[in-house]
Amino acid sequence: MLFSQREEKIKSMIQENPDTILFKSQLQNSLLKEALSYRSIKIAKHTNVYNCGDKEGMVYFIESGQVKLIITSAEGKECILVIHSKGDIFGELCLSGLGERVETATAMEQTSLKQISPTQFFMHLGKELLLEGFVKYLTVRIADQQQVISALVTVDSEQRLAKTLLHLARSLGKQDPRSILIALKISHEELSAMIGTTRPRISLFMQRFRNLGLIEMTKEHYFIIKEQKLVNYLAQTA
């Protein structure tokens, strides 16, 4: 019974919130209706959309591609906060009026974006009756960040990696006969920046996960996440 409860808890942690899914779908559909109202830009792979310290204040909607948000310490150590994909918005901290960007946004592959000013964004949300959905979306994002912070304090790095792989599978992956395929090249260095440990330890953990049959690698170096096996593993080691 205890194992089953742990398993269900872990499953619930990696399920994307229904309100978030609905909001993203509604926002995407509403923006498609007004395709010419907002500036479309293309960002090349490994190119920054904006940098930490920039004062530009735009909200971005991802039409295609992936963007990672990075914070860099005074010593130059990078921490990847999140990876966003199609249908996500980012850069919304500019709505707070804080001024300078506190993170850097980098395209992980060629990415198409809608660039929207704060005034336009709020007007669009109001016109499309999406303000409530946006508040729920932000609340879920805050909860996600709280879980990340909690894991850094209470969970060992191997379990953090397993939970991160499950989250990436859920947010970026596609159903595959072998389970879930993440068709994006995420390096061990990028995983170490997400987990808060060293690259050699990530390599060690990933090899262990492969040996246990929790993950596979395709010939393109994409991850295949064996979701149920990884959930069981986390429940057993919790």
C-alpha atoms as a PDB file:
ATOM      1  CA  MET A   1       0.000   0.000   0.000  1.00  0.00           C
ATOM      2  CA  LEU A   2       2.794   2.449   0.921  1.00  0.00           C
ATOM      3  CA  PHE A   3       4.635   1.721  -2.341  1.00  0.00           C
ATOM      4  CA  SER A   4       1.417   2.292  -4.313  1.00  0.00           C
ATOM      5  CA  GLN A   5       0.847   5.647  -2.588  1.00  0.00           C
ATOM      6  CA  ARG A   6       4.407   6.751  -3.361  1.00  0.00           C
ATOM      7  CA  GLU A   7       3.994   5.684  -6.984  1.00  0.00           C
ATOM      8  CA  GLU A   8       0.774   7.670  -7.371  1.00  0.00           C
ATOM      9  CA  LYS A   9       2.383  10.724  -5.755  1.00  0.00           C
ATOM     10  CA  ILE A  10       5.328  10.580  -8.170  1.00  0.00           C
ATOM     11  CA  LYS A  11       2.978  10.155 -11.130  1.00  0.00           C
ATOM     12  CA  SER A  12       0.986  13.217 -10.047  1.00  0.00           C
ATOM     13  CA  MET A  13       4.178  15.284  -9.779  1.00  0.00           C
ATOM     14  CA  ILE A  14       5.055  14.755 -13.433  1.00  0.00           C
ATOM     15  CA  GLN A  15       1.546  15.168 -14.875  1.00  0.00           C
ATOM     16  CA  GLU A  16       1.073  18.536 -16.515  1.00  0.00           C
ATOM     17  CA  ASN A  17      -1.724  20.453 -14.815  1.00  0.00           C
ATOM     18  CA  PRO A  18      -5.013  20.351 -16.842  1.00  0.00           C
ATOM     19  CA  ASP A  19      -5.534  24.103 -16.336  1.00  0.00           C
ATOM     20  CA  THR A  20      -2.049  24.745 -17.743  1.00  0.00           C
ATOM     21  CA  ILE A  21      -2.703  22.556 -20.785  1.00  0.00           C
ATOM     22  CA  LEU A  22      -6.030  24.324 -21.412  1.00  0.00           C
ATOM     23  CA  PHE A  23      -4.513  27.805 -21.062  1.00  0.00           C
ATOM     24  CA  LYS A  24      -1.620  26.997 -23.421  1.00  0.00           C
ATOM     25  CA  SER A  25      -4.039  25.639 -26.013  1.00  0.00           C
ATOM     26  CA  GLN A  26      -6.367  28.645 -25.738  1.00  0.00           C
ATOM     27  CA  LEU A  27      -3.477  31.114 -25.916  1.00  0.00           C
ATOM     28  CA  GLN A  28      -1.986  29.377 -28.939  1.00  0.00           C
ATOM     29  CA  ASN A  29      -5.313  29.308 -30.787  1.00  0.00           C
ATOM     30  CA  SER A  30      -6.027  32.961 -29.991  1.00  0.00           C
ATOM     31  CA  LEU A  31      -2.581  34.056 -31.195  1.00  0.00           C
ATOM     32  CA  LEU A  32      -2.979  32.081 -34.419  1.00  0.00           C
ATOM     33  CA  LYS A  33      -6.171  34.044 -35.119  1.00  0.00           C
ATOM     34  CA  GLU A  34      -4.136  37.258 -34.967  1.00  0.00           C
ATOM     35  CA  ALA A  35      -0.977  36.022 -36.644  1.00  0.00           C
ATOM     36  CA  LEU A  36      -0.171  39.414 -38.132  1.00  0.00           C
ATOM     37  CA  SER A  37      -0.770  41.418 -34.949  1.00  0.00           C
ATOM     38  CA  TYR A  38       2.471  40.402 -33.247  1.00  0.00           C
ATOM     39  CA  ARG A  39       6.026  40.303 -34.506  1.00  0.00           C
ATOM     40  CA  SER A  40       7.346  36.859 -35.453  1.00  0.00           C
ATOM     41  CA  ILE A  41      11.074  36.221 -35.060  1.00  0.00           C
ATOM     42  CA  LYS A  42      13.330  33.247 -35.700  1.00  0.00           C
ATOM     43  CA  ILE A  43      16.212  32.483 -33.347  1.00  0.00           C
ATOM     44  CA  ALA A  44      19.106  30.305 -34.512  1.00  0.00           C
ATOM     45  CA  LYS A  45      20.272  27.344 -32.437  1.00  0.00           C
ATOM     46  CA  HIS A  46      22.498  28.336 -29.474  1.00  0.00           C
ATOM     47  CA  THR A  47      21.565  32.019 -29.946  1.00  0.00           C
ATOM     48  CA  ASN A  48      20.272  34.091 -27.036  1.00  0.00           C
ATOM     49  CA  VAL A  49      16.788  35.581 -27.213  1.00  0.00           C
ATOM     50  CA  TYR A  50      17.849  37.961 -24.430  1.00  0.00           C
ATOM     51  CA  ASN A  51      20.620  38.141 -21.850  1.00  0.00           C
ATOM     52  CA  CYS A  52      20.739  38.619 -18.104  1.00  0.00           C
ATOM     53  CA  GLY A  53      20.860  42.374 -17.486  1.00  0.00           C
ATOM     54  CA  ASP A  54      18.995  43.304 -20.666  1.00  0.00           C
ATOM     55  CA  LYS A  55      16.324  45.960 -20.194  1.00  0.00           C
ATOM     56  CA  GLU A  56      14.093  44.949 -23.105  1.00  0.00           C
ATOM     57  CA  GLY A  57      10.627  44.060 -21.845  1.00  0.00           C
ATOM     58  CA  MET A  58       8.883  41.570 -24.120  1.00  0.00           C
ATOM     59  CA  VAL A  59       6.862  38.429 -23.514  1.00  0.00           C
ATOM     60  CA  TYR A  60       7.621  35.540 -25.879  1.00  0.00           C
ATOM     61  CA  PHE A  61       5.360  32.773 -27.151  1.00  0.00           C
ATOM     62  CA  ILE A  62       7.037  29.697 -28.665  1.00  0.00           C
ATOM     63  CA  GLU A  63       5.557  28.677 -32.011  1.00  0.00           C
ATOM     64  CA  SER A  64       8.173  25.959 -32.541  1.00  0.00           C
ATOM     65  CA  GLY A  65      11.496  24.936 -31.008  1.00  0.00           C
ATOM     66  CA  GLN A  66      12.891  24.936 -27.473  1.00  0.00           C
ATOM     67  CA  VAL A  67      14.309  27.629 -25.197  1.00  0.00           C
ATOM     68  CA  LYS A  68      16.217  27.168 -21.949  1.00  0.00           C
ATOM     69  CA  LEU A  69      16.333  29.783 -19.195  1.00  0.00           C
ATOM     70  CA  ILE A  70      19.692  30.097 -17.441  1.00  0.00           C
ATOM     71  CA  ILE A  71      20.899  31.912 -14.343  1.00  0.00           C
ATOM     72  CA  THR A  72      24.655  32.362 -13.915  1.00  0.00           C
ATOM     73  CA  SER A  73      26.320  32.825 -10.520  1.00  0.00           C
ATOM     74  CA  ALA A  74      29.001  35.433  -9.799  1.00  0.00           C
ATOM     75  CA  GLU A  75      31.543  32.594 -10.109  1.00  0.00           C
ATOM     76  CA  GLY A  76      30.257  31.756 -13.611  1.00  0.00           C
ATOM     77  CA  LYS A  77      28.382  28.566 -12.693  1.00  0.00           C
ATOM     78  CA  GLU A  78      25.240  28.054 -14.753  1.00  0.00           C
ATOM     79  CA  CYS A  79      21.901  26.794 -13.490  1.00  0.00           C
ATOM     80  CA  ILE A  80      19.203  25.854 -16.021  1.00  0.00           C
ATOM     81  CA  LEU A  81      15.874  26.885 -14.532  1.00  0.00           C
ATOM     82  CA  VAL A  82      13.579  25.306 -17.091  1.00  0.00           C
ATOM     83  CA  ILE A  83      13.298  24.226 -20.727  1.00  0.00           C
ATOM     84  CA  HIS A  84      10.303  25.649 -22.608  1.00  0.00           C
ATOM     85  CA  SER A  85       8.804  24.195 -25.774  1.00  0.00           C
ATOM     86  CA  LYS A  86       6.009  24.827 -28.300  1.00  0.00           C
ATOM     87  CA  GLY A  87       2.995  26.519 -26.733  1.00  0.00           C
ATOM     88  CA  ASP A  88       4.913  27.918 -23.746  1.00  0.00           C
ATOM     89  CA  ILE A  89       5.408  31.560 -22.864  1.00  0.00           C
ATOM     90  CA  PHE A  90       8.526  32.956 -21.225  1.00  0.00           C
ATOM     91  CA  GLY A  91      10.011  36.310 -20.329  1.00  0.00           C
ATOM     92  CA  GLU A  92       6.849  37.172 -18.365  1.00  0.00           C
ATOM     93  CA  LEU A  93       8.886  38.516 -15.434  1.00  0.00           C
ATOM     94  CA  CYS A  94       9.056  41.761 -17.420  1.00  0.00           C
ATOM     95  CA  LEU A  95       5.376  42.221 -16.482  1.00  0.00           C
ATOM     96  CA  SER A  96       6.480  42.851 -12.884  1.00  0.00           C
ATOM     97  CA  GLY A  97       8.337  46.031 -13.832  1.00  0.00           C
ATOM     98  CA  LEU A  98      11.581  44.766 -12.272  1.00  0.00           C
ATOM     99  CA  GLY A  99      13.574  46.288 -15.126  1.00  0.00           C
ATOM    100  CA  GLU A 100      16.593  44.163 -16.018  1.00  0.00           C
ATOM    101  CA  ARG A 101      16.341  40.532 -17.011  1.00  0.00           C
ATOM    102  CA  VAL A 102      17.515  38.198 -14.243  1.00  0.00           C
ATOM    103  CA  GLU A 103      18.068  35.222 -16.562  1.00  0.00           C
ATOM    104  CA  THR A 104      19.336  34.451 -20.071  1.00  0.00           C
ATOM    105  CA  ALA A 105      17.055  32.774 -22.632  1.00  0.00           C
ATOM    106  CA  THR A 106      18.846  30.584 -25.202  1.00  0.00           C
ATOM    107  CA  ALA A 107      17.411  28.660 -28.158  1.00  0.00           C
ATOM    108  CA  MET A 108      18.331  24.960 -28.026  1.00  0.00           C
ATOM    109  CA  GLU A 109      17.412  24.543 -31.688  1.00  0.00           C
ATOM    110  CA  GLN A 110      16.089  26.856 -34.393  1.00  0.00           C
ATOM    111  CA  THR A 111      13.075  28.439 -32.740  1.00  0.00           C
ATOM    112  CA  SER A 112      10.146  30.557 -33.946  1.00  0.00           C
ATOM    113  CA  LEU A 113       8.694  33.068 -31.491  1.00  0.00           C
ATOM    114  CA  LYS A 114       5.941  35.638 -31.202  1.00  0.00           C
ATOM    115  CA  GLN A 115       7.238  38.795 -29.533  1.00  0.00           C
ATOM    116  CA  ILE A 116       4.563  40.646 -27.569  1.00  0.00           C
ATOM    117  CA  SER A 117       4.829  43.857 -25.547  1.00  0.00           C
ATOM    118  CA  PRO A 118       3.381  43.865 -22.007  1.00  0.00           C
ATOM    119  CA  THR A 119       0.589  46.239 -23.052  1.00  0.00           C
ATOM    120  CA  GLN A 120      -0.332  44.045 -26.019  1.00  0.00           C
ATOM    121  CA  PHE A 121      -0.121  40.915 -23.884  1.00  0.00           C
ATOM    122  CA  PHE A 122      -2.494  42.187 -21.194  1.00  0.00           C
ATOM    123  CA  MET A 123      -4.897  43.521 -23.833  1.00  0.00           C
ATOM    124  CA  HIS A 124      -4.865  40.157 -25.588  1.00  0.00           C
ATOM    125  CA  LEU A 125      -5.525  38.236 -22.360  1.00  0.00           C
ATOM    126  CA  GLY A 126      -8.398  40.541 -21.506  1.00  0.00           C
ATOM    127  CA  LYS A 127      -9.973  40.422 -24.951  1.00  0.00           C
ATOM    128  CA  GLU A 128      -9.743  36.615 -25.118  1.00  0.00           C
ATOM    129  CA  LEU A 129     -10.922  36.147 -21.491  1.00  0.00           C
ATOM    130  CA  LEU A 130      -7.631  34.465 -20.587  1.00  0.00           C
ATOM    131  CA  LEU A 131      -6.602  36.471 -17.516  1.00  0.00           C
ATOM    132  CA  GLU A 132      -7.845  33.803 -15.089  1.00  0.00           C
ATOM    133  CA  GLY A 133      -6.080  31.097 -17.078  1.00  0.00           C
ATOM    134  CA  PHE A 134      -2.862  33.122 -17.038  1.00  0.00           C
ATOM    135  CA  VAL A 135      -2.998  33.476 -13.245  1.00  0.00           C
ATOM    136  CA  LYS A 136      -3.458  29.706 -12.870  1.00  0.00           C
ATOM    137  CA  TYR A 137      -0.602  29.123 -15.325  1.00  0.00           C
ATOM    138  CA  LEU A 138       1.729  31.341 -13.290  1.00  0.00           C
ATOM    139  CA  THR A 139       0.648  29.648 -10.062  1.00  0.00           C
ATOM    140  CA  VAL A 140       1.552  26.235 -11.476  1.00  0.00           C
ATOM    141  CA  ARG A 141       4.912  27.623 -12.614  1.00  0.00           C
ATOM    142  CA  ILE A 142       5.586  28.895  -9.077  1.00  0.00           C
ATOM    143  CA  ALA A 143       4.649  25.490  -7.644  1.00  0.00           C
ATOM    144  CA  ASP A 144       7.039  23.805 -10.095  1.00  0.00           C
ATOM    145  CA  GLN A 145       9.869  26.090  -9.006  1.00  0.00           C
ATOM    146  CA  GLN A 146       9.090  25.401  -5.342  1.00  0.00           C
ATOM    147  CA  GLN A 147       9.368  21.664  -6.018  1.00  0.00           C
ATOM    148  CA  VAL A 148      12.734  22.220  -7.710  1.00  0.00           C
ATOM    149  CA  ILE A 149      14.010  24.220  -4.724  1.00  0.00           C
ATOM    150  CA  SER A 150      12.682  21.613  -2.294  1.00  0.00           C
ATOM    151  CA  ALA A 151      14.372  18.806  -4.233  1.00  0.00           C
ATOM    152  CA  LEU A 152      17.718  20.615  -4.125  1.00  0.00           C
ATOM    153  CA  VAL A 153      17.525  20.600  -0.323  1.00  0.00           C
ATOM    154  CA  THR A 154      15.825  17.282   0.447  1.00  0.00           C
ATOM    155  CA  VAL A 155      16.537  14.856  -2.422  1.00  0.00           C
ATOM    156  CA  ASP A 156      19.871  13.362  -3.462  1.00  0.00           C
ATOM    157  CA  SER A 157      21.229  14.170  -6.910  1.00  0.00           C
ATOM    158  CA  GLU A 158      20.451  10.760  -8.437  1.00  0.00           C
ATOM    159  CA  GLN A 159      16.775  11.063  -7.515  1.00  0.00           C
ATOM    160  CA  ARG A 160      16.723  14.687  -8.719  1.00  0.00           C
ATOM    161  CA  LEU A 161      17.996  13.485 -12.092  1.00  0.00           C
ATOM    162  CA  ALA A 162      15.333  10.769 -12.278  1.00  0.00           C
ATOM    163  CA  LYS A 163      12.570  13.274 -11.426  1.00  0.00           C
ATOM    164  CA  THR A 164      13.966  15.772 -13.928  1.00  0.00           C
ATOM    165  CA  LEU A 165      13.970  13.153 -16.699  1.00  0.00           C
ATOM    166  CA  LEU A 166      10.342  12.337 -15.903  1.00  0.00           C
ATOM    167  CA  HIS A 167       9.421  16.018 -15.997  1.00  0.00           C
ATOM    168  CA  LEU A 168      11.252  16.535 -19.313  1.00  0.00           C
ATOM    169  CA  ALA A 169       9.520  13.482 -20.759  1.00  0.00           C
ATOM    170  CA  ARG A 170       6.148  14.865 -19.757  1.00  0.00           C
ATOM    171  CA  SER A 171       6.745  18.430 -20.942  1.00  0.00           C
ATOM    172  CA  LEU A 172       8.880  17.835 -24.053  1.00  0.00           C
ATOM    173  CA  GLY A 173       8.408  14.182 -24.977  1.00  0.00           C
ATOM    174  CA  LYS A 174       6.202  12.345 -27.437  1.00  0.00           C
ATOM    175  CA  GLN A 175       4.615   8.934 -27.062  1.00  0.00           C
ATOM    176  CA  ASP A 176       6.776   6.235 -28.579  1.00  0.00           C
ATOM    177  CA  PRO A 177       6.307   2.437 -28.832  1.00  0.00           C
ATOM    178  CA  ARG A 178       9.159   2.160 -26.322  1.00  0.00           C
ATOM    179  CA  SER A 179       7.511   4.693 -23.929  1.00  0.00           C
ATOM    180  CA  ILE A 180       8.318   8.439 -24.242  1.00  0.00           C
ATOM    181  CA  LEU A 181      10.813   9.935 -26.699  1.00  0.00           C
ATOM    182  CA  ILE A 182      12.475  13.297 -26.035  1.00  0.00           C
ATOM    183  CA  ALA A 183      13.452  14.342 -29.572  1.00  0.00           C
ATOM    184  CA  LEU A 184      15.908  16.965 -28.338  1.00  0.00           C
ATOM    185  CA  LYS A 185      19.615  16.649 -27.701  1.00  0.00           C
ATOM    186  CA  ILE A 186      20.129  17.475 -24.022  1.00  0.00           C
ATOM    187  CA  SER A 187      23.762  17.152 -23.017  1.00  0.00           C
ATOM    188  CA  HIS A 188      25.083  15.776 -19.731  1.00  0.00           C
ATOM    189  CA  GLU A 189      26.453  19.248 -19.086  1.00  0.00           C
ATOM    190  CA  GLU A 190      22.977  20.752 -19.456  1.00  0.00           C
ATOM    191  CA  LEU A 191      21.529  18.085 -17.161  1.00  0.00           C
ATOM    192  CA  SER A 192      24.216  18.843 -14.570  1.00  0.00           C
ATOM    193  CA  ALA A 193      23.203  22.526 -14.744  1.00  0.00           C
ATOM    194  CA  MET A 194      19.600  21.530 -14.089  1.00  0.00           C
ATOM    195  CA  ILE A 195      20.361  19.105 -11.269  1.00  0.00           C
ATOM    196  CA  GLY A 196      23.065  21.038  -9.443  1.00  0.00           C
ATOM    197  CA  THR A 197      25.788  18.405  -9.584  1.00  0.00           C
ATOM    198  CA  THR A 198      28.876  17.650 -11.677  1.00  0.00           C
ATOM    199  CA  ARG A 199      28.917  16.341 -15.225  1.00  0.00           C
ATOM    200  CA  PRO A 200      30.854  13.139 -14.275  1.00  0.00           C
ATOM    201  CA  ARG A 201      28.157  12.285 -11.709  1.00  0.00           C
ATOM    202  CA  ILE A 202      25.451  12.810 -14.322  1.00  0.00           C
ATOM    203  CA  SER A 203      27.306  10.441 -16.667  1.00  0.00           C
ATOM    204  CA  LEU A 204      27.548   7.862 -13.868  1.00  0.00           C
ATOM    205  CA  PHE A 205      23.842   8.124 -13.039  1.00  0.00           C
ATOM    206  CA  MET A 206      22.790   7.971 -16.699  1.00  0.00           C
ATOM    207  CA  GLN A 207      24.846   4.820 -17.225  1.00  0.00           C
ATOM    208  CA  ARG A 208      23.205   3.306 -14.153  1.00  0.00           C
ATOM    209  CA  PHE A 209      19.753   4.222 -15.472  1.00  0.00           C
ATOM    210  CA  ARG A 210      20.583   2.584 -18.810  1.00  0.00           C
ATOM    211  CA  ASN A 211      21.819  -0.568 -17.071  1.00  0.00           C
ATOM    212  CA  LEU A 212      18.575  -0.717 -15.075  1.00  0.00           C
ATOM    213  CA  GLY A 213      16.509  -0.304 -18.244  1.00  0.00           C
ATOM    214  CA  LEU A 214      15.046   3.006 -17.100  1.00  0.00           C
ATOM    215  CA  ILE A 215      16.201   4.933 -20.176  1.00  0.00           C
ATOM    216  CA  GLU A 216      17.554   4.241 -23.650  1.00  0.00           C
ATOM    217  CA  MET A 217      19.441   6.310 -26.204  1.00  0.00           C
ATOM    218  CA  THR A 218      18.558   6.438 -29.891  1.00  0.00           C
ATOM    219  CA  LYS A 219      21.154   6.599 -32.656  1.00  0.00           C
ATOM    220  CA  GLU A 220      20.393  10.358 -32.849  1.00  0.00           C
ATOM    221  CA  HIS A 221      21.348  10.646 -29.142  1.00  0.00           C
ATOM    222  CA  TYR A 222      17.778  11.326 -28.067  1.00  0.00           C
ATOM    223  CA  PHE A 223      16.459  10.012 -24.749  1.00  0.00           C
ATOM    224  CA  ILE A 224      13.790   7.334 -24.498  1.00  0.00           C
ATOM    225  CA  ILE A 225      12.301   7.503 -21.021  1.00  0.00           C
ATOM    226  CA  LYS A 226      10.741   4.292 -19.686  1.00  0.00           C
ATOM    227  CA  GLU A 227       8.189   6.211 -17.680  1.00  0.00           C
ATOM    228  CA  GLN A 228       6.613   3.445 -15.606  1.00  0.00           C
ATOM    229  CA  LYS A 229       9.963   1.870 -14.770  1.00  0.00           C
ATOM    230  CA  LEU A 230      11.358   5.226 -13.690  1.00  0.00           C
ATOM    231  CA  VAL A 231       8.270   5.922 -11.561  1.00  0.00           C
ATOM    232  CA  ASN A 232       8.693   2.499  -9.905  1.00  0.00           C
ATOM    233  CA  TYR A 233      12.381   3.177  -9.317  1.00  0.00           C
ATOM    234  CA  LEU A 234      11.649   6.491  -7.604  1.00  0.00           C
ATOM    235  CA  ALA A 235       8.910   4.953  -5.475  1.00  0.00           C
ATOM    236  CA  GLN A 236      11.288   2.220  -4.347  1.00  0.00           C
ATOM    237  CA  THR A 237      14.119   4.606  -3.510  1.00  0.00           C
ATOM    238  CA  ALA A 238      11.971   7.323  -1.883  1.00  0.00           C
END
